[in-house]
Amino acid sequence: MIQEQSRDPLHGITLAKMLEDLAAHIGWEELGRAISIRCFTHDPSIRSSLMFLRKTPWARAKVEAFYRECQSEINSNSNASSAPTPWDCFDAFTVKMSMLQPQTKRDVNSWSS
């Protein structure tokens, strides 16, 4: 039988791997600026961020979207010796996320379903 390959660009990439790659690529400070979540701005760590993101679907969605924007740069920088530039993927992500901001509490709750 022929197995179908997933079309999801995040298939096989764990949340921990995403955080490790993003923290290594742009650092916690820039990650906190890109995605304003307390676990990135106040004493950040992989462990505390994982605990929060696993319980908070809207925050996880933001991290996954940001990772998708940065994924090609992260992959190319892991193969190249050039220094990463944190703002390369930030601008496009900021525009997309501003369109996704929940307007009401009801909108936030609908993200978790």
C-alpha atoms as a PDB file:
ATOM      1  CA  MET A   1       0.000   0.000   0.000  1.00  0.00           C
ATOM      2  CA  ILE A   2       1.047   3.544  -0.653  1.00  0.00           C
ATOM      3  CA  GLN A   3       1.056   5.718   2.431  1.00  0.00           C
ATOM      4  CA  GLU A   4      -0.130   9.279   2.142  1.00  0.00           C
ATOM      5  CA  GLN A   5       2.338  11.852   3.356  1.00  0.00           C
ATOM      6  CA  SER A   6       1.062  14.599   5.582  1.00  0.00           C
ATOM      7  CA  ARG A   7       0.753  18.003   3.941  1.00  0.00           C
ATOM      8  CA  ASP A   8       1.146  19.690   7.312  1.00  0.00           C
ATOM      9  CA  PRO A   9       4.524  21.485   7.368  1.00  0.00           C
ATOM     10  CA  LEU A  10       4.709  20.849  11.124  1.00  0.00           C
ATOM     11  CA  HIS A  11       4.166  17.088  10.821  1.00  0.00           C
ATOM     12  CA  GLY A  12       6.677  15.309  13.038  1.00  0.00           C
ATOM     13  CA  ILE A  13       7.903  18.489  14.733  1.00  0.00           C
ATOM     14  CA  THR A  14       7.199  18.578  18.447  1.00  0.00           C
ATOM     15  CA  LEU A  15       6.310  21.715  20.348  1.00  0.00           C
ATOM     16  CA  ALA A  16       9.558  21.319  22.311  1.00  0.00           C
ATOM     17  CA  LYS A  17      11.551  21.250  19.049  1.00  0.00           C
ATOM     18  CA  MET A  18       9.758  24.387  17.845  1.00  0.00           C
ATOM     19  CA  LEU A  19      10.622  26.244  21.051  1.00  0.00           C
ATOM     20  CA  GLU A  20      14.235  25.062  20.974  1.00  0.00           C
ATOM     21  CA  ASP A  21      14.635  26.148  17.350  1.00  0.00           C
ATOM     22  CA  LEU A  22      12.992  29.534  17.896  1.00  0.00           C
ATOM     23  CA  ALA A  23      14.970  30.239  21.070  1.00  0.00           C
ATOM     24  CA  ALA A  24      18.204  29.300  19.300  1.00  0.00           C
ATOM     25  CA  HIS A  25      17.297  31.234  16.130  1.00  0.00           C
ATOM     26  CA  ILE A  26      16.089  34.532  17.592  1.00  0.00           C
ATOM     27  CA  GLY A  27      16.456  34.218  21.371  1.00  0.00           C
ATOM     28  CA  TRP A  28      13.921  34.490  24.176  1.00  0.00           C
ATOM     29  CA  GLU A  29      13.904  38.284  24.220  1.00  0.00           C
ATOM     30  CA  GLU A  30      12.975  38.575  20.540  1.00  0.00           C
ATOM     31  CA  LEU A  31      10.524  35.692  20.863  1.00  0.00           C
ATOM     32  CA  GLY A  32       8.823  37.612  23.673  1.00  0.00           C
ATOM     33  CA  ARG A  33       8.602  40.679  21.443  1.00  0.00           C
ATOM     34  CA  ALA A  34       7.223  38.690  18.520  1.00  0.00           C
ATOM     35  CA  ILE A  35       4.676  36.818  20.629  1.00  0.00           C
ATOM     36  CA  SER A  36       3.703  38.723  23.742  1.00  0.00           C
ATOM     37  CA  ILE A  37       3.252  35.823  26.138  1.00  0.00           C
ATOM     38  CA  ARG A  38       4.467  36.002  29.739  1.00  0.00           C
ATOM     39  CA  CYS A  39       6.257  32.645  29.587  1.00  0.00           C
ATOM     40  CA  PHE A  40       8.569  34.191  26.941  1.00  0.00           C
ATOM     41  CA  THR A  41       9.153  37.501  28.701  1.00  0.00           C
ATOM     42  CA  HIS A  42       9.522  36.624  32.399  1.00  0.00           C
ATOM     43  CA  ASP A  43      12.177  34.041  33.296  1.00  0.00           C
ATOM     44  CA  PRO A  44      11.649  32.011  30.102  1.00  0.00           C
ATOM     45  CA  SER A  45      12.488  28.335  29.831  1.00  0.00           C
ATOM     46  CA  ILE A  46      11.523  25.468  27.569  1.00  0.00           C
ATOM     47  CA  ARG A  47       9.839  23.641  30.449  1.00  0.00           C
ATOM     48  CA  SER A  48       7.651  26.525  31.660  1.00  0.00           C
ATOM     49  CA  SER A  49       6.745  27.487  28.108  1.00  0.00           C
ATOM     50  CA  LEU A  50       5.746  23.913  27.255  1.00  0.00           C
ATOM     51  CA  MET A  51       3.516  23.697  30.320  1.00  0.00           C
ATOM     52  CA  PHE A  52       1.735  26.927  29.390  1.00  0.00           C
ATOM     53  CA  LEU A  53       1.439  26.260  25.656  1.00  0.00           C
ATOM     54  CA  ARG A  54       0.048  22.770  26.131  1.00  0.00           C
ATOM     55  CA  LYS A  55      -2.777  24.209  28.250  1.00  0.00           C
ATOM     56  CA  THR A  56      -3.447  27.273  26.105  1.00  0.00           C
ATOM     57  CA  PRO A  57      -4.541  26.562  22.521  1.00  0.00           C
ATOM     58  CA  TRP A  58      -4.555  30.188  21.345  1.00  0.00           C
ATOM     59  CA  ALA A  59      -0.962  30.708  22.493  1.00  0.00           C
ATOM     60  CA  ARG A  60       0.163  27.436  20.921  1.00  0.00           C
ATOM     61  CA  ALA A  61      -1.468  28.500  17.644  1.00  0.00           C
ATOM     62  CA  LYS A  62       0.559  31.731  17.692  1.00  0.00           C
ATOM     63  CA  VAL A  63       3.813  29.839  18.313  1.00  0.00           C
ATOM     64  CA  GLU A  64       3.047  27.350  15.539  1.00  0.00           C
ATOM     65  CA  ALA A  65       2.194  30.174  13.109  1.00  0.00           C
ATOM     66  CA  PHE A  66       5.394  32.012  13.987  1.00  0.00           C
ATOM     67  CA  TYR A  67       7.415  28.822  13.597  1.00  0.00           C
ATOM     68  CA  ARG A  68       5.905  28.253  10.127  1.00  0.00           C
ATOM     69  CA  GLU A  69       6.961  31.783   9.129  1.00  0.00           C
ATOM     70  CA  CYS A  70      10.498  31.199  10.391  1.00  0.00           C
ATOM     71  CA  GLN A  71      10.846  27.532   9.418  1.00  0.00           C
ATOM     72  CA  SER A  72      12.682  28.050   6.114  1.00  0.00           C
ATOM     73  CA  GLU A  73      15.125  30.466   7.757  1.00  0.00           C
ATOM     74  CA  ILE A  74      15.698  28.133  10.691  1.00  0.00           C
ATOM     75  CA  ASN A  75      16.367  25.231   8.329  1.00  0.00           C
ATOM     76  CA  SER A  76      18.648  27.270   6.077  1.00  0.00           C
ATOM     77  CA  ASN A  77      20.578  28.679   9.043  1.00  0.00           C
ATOM     78  CA  SER A  78      21.130  25.219  10.466  1.00  0.00           C
ATOM     79  CA  ASN A  79      22.796  24.296   7.164  1.00  0.00           C
ATOM     80  CA  ALA A  80      24.714  27.548   6.754  1.00  0.00           C
ATOM     81  CA  SER A  81      27.264  29.255   8.930  1.00  0.00           C
ATOM     82  CA  SER A  82      25.734  32.741   8.587  1.00  0.00           C
ATOM     83  CA  ALA A  83      24.367  34.436  11.681  1.00  0.00           C
ATOM     84  CA  PRO A  84      20.554  34.438  11.952  1.00  0.00           C
ATOM     85  CA  THR A  85      18.678  37.684  11.624  1.00  0.00           C
ATOM     86  CA  PRO A  86      15.755  37.753  14.057  1.00  0.00           C
ATOM     87  CA  TRP A  87      13.573  40.180  12.130  1.00  0.00           C
ATOM     88  CA  ASP A  88      13.505  38.282   8.837  1.00  0.00           C
ATOM     89  CA  CYS A  89      10.309  36.408   9.639  1.00  0.00           C
ATOM     90  CA  PHE A  90       8.912  38.812  12.249  1.00  0.00           C
ATOM     91  CA  ASP A  91       7.240  41.362   9.938  1.00  0.00           C
ATOM     92  CA  ALA A  92       5.096  38.910   7.975  1.00  0.00           C
ATOM     93  CA  PHE A  93       4.105  37.146  11.182  1.00  0.00           C
ATOM     94  CA  THR A  94       3.107  40.387  12.906  1.00  0.00           C
ATOM     95  CA  VAL A  95       0.795  41.333  10.049  1.00  0.00           C
ATOM     96  CA  LYS A  96      -0.855  37.892  10.004  1.00  0.00           C
ATOM     97  CA  MET A  97      -1.289  37.736  13.775  1.00  0.00           C
ATOM     98  CA  SER A  98      -2.803  41.215  13.937  1.00  0.00           C
ATOM     99  CA  MET A  99      -5.573  39.911  11.702  1.00  0.00           C
ATOM    100  CA  LEU A 100      -6.132  36.946  14.045  1.00  0.00           C
ATOM    101  CA  GLN A 101      -6.444  38.859  17.318  1.00  0.00           C
ATOM    102  CA  PRO A 102      -9.622  37.810  19.136  1.00  0.00           C
ATOM    103  CA  GLN A 103     -11.946  40.737  19.610  1.00  0.00           C
ATOM    104  CA  THR A 104     -14.087  39.387  22.443  1.00  0.00           C
ATOM    105  CA  LYS A 105     -13.906  36.750  25.140  1.00  0.00           C
ATOM    106  CA  ARG A 106     -16.306  34.667  23.041  1.00  0.00           C
ATOM    107  CA  ASP A 107     -13.784  34.732  20.170  1.00  0.00           C
ATOM    108  CA  VAL A 108     -11.023  33.498  22.490  1.00  0.00           C
ATOM    109  CA  ASN A 109     -13.209  30.643  23.703  1.00  0.00           C
ATOM    110  CA  SER A 110     -14.047  29.622  20.141  1.00  0.00           C
ATOM    111  CA  TRP A 111     -10.318  29.072  19.466  1.00  0.00           C
ATOM    112  CA  SER A 112     -10.211  26.254  21.986  1.00  0.00           C
ATOM    113  CA  SER A 113     -12.849  24.148  20.246  1.00  0.00           C
END
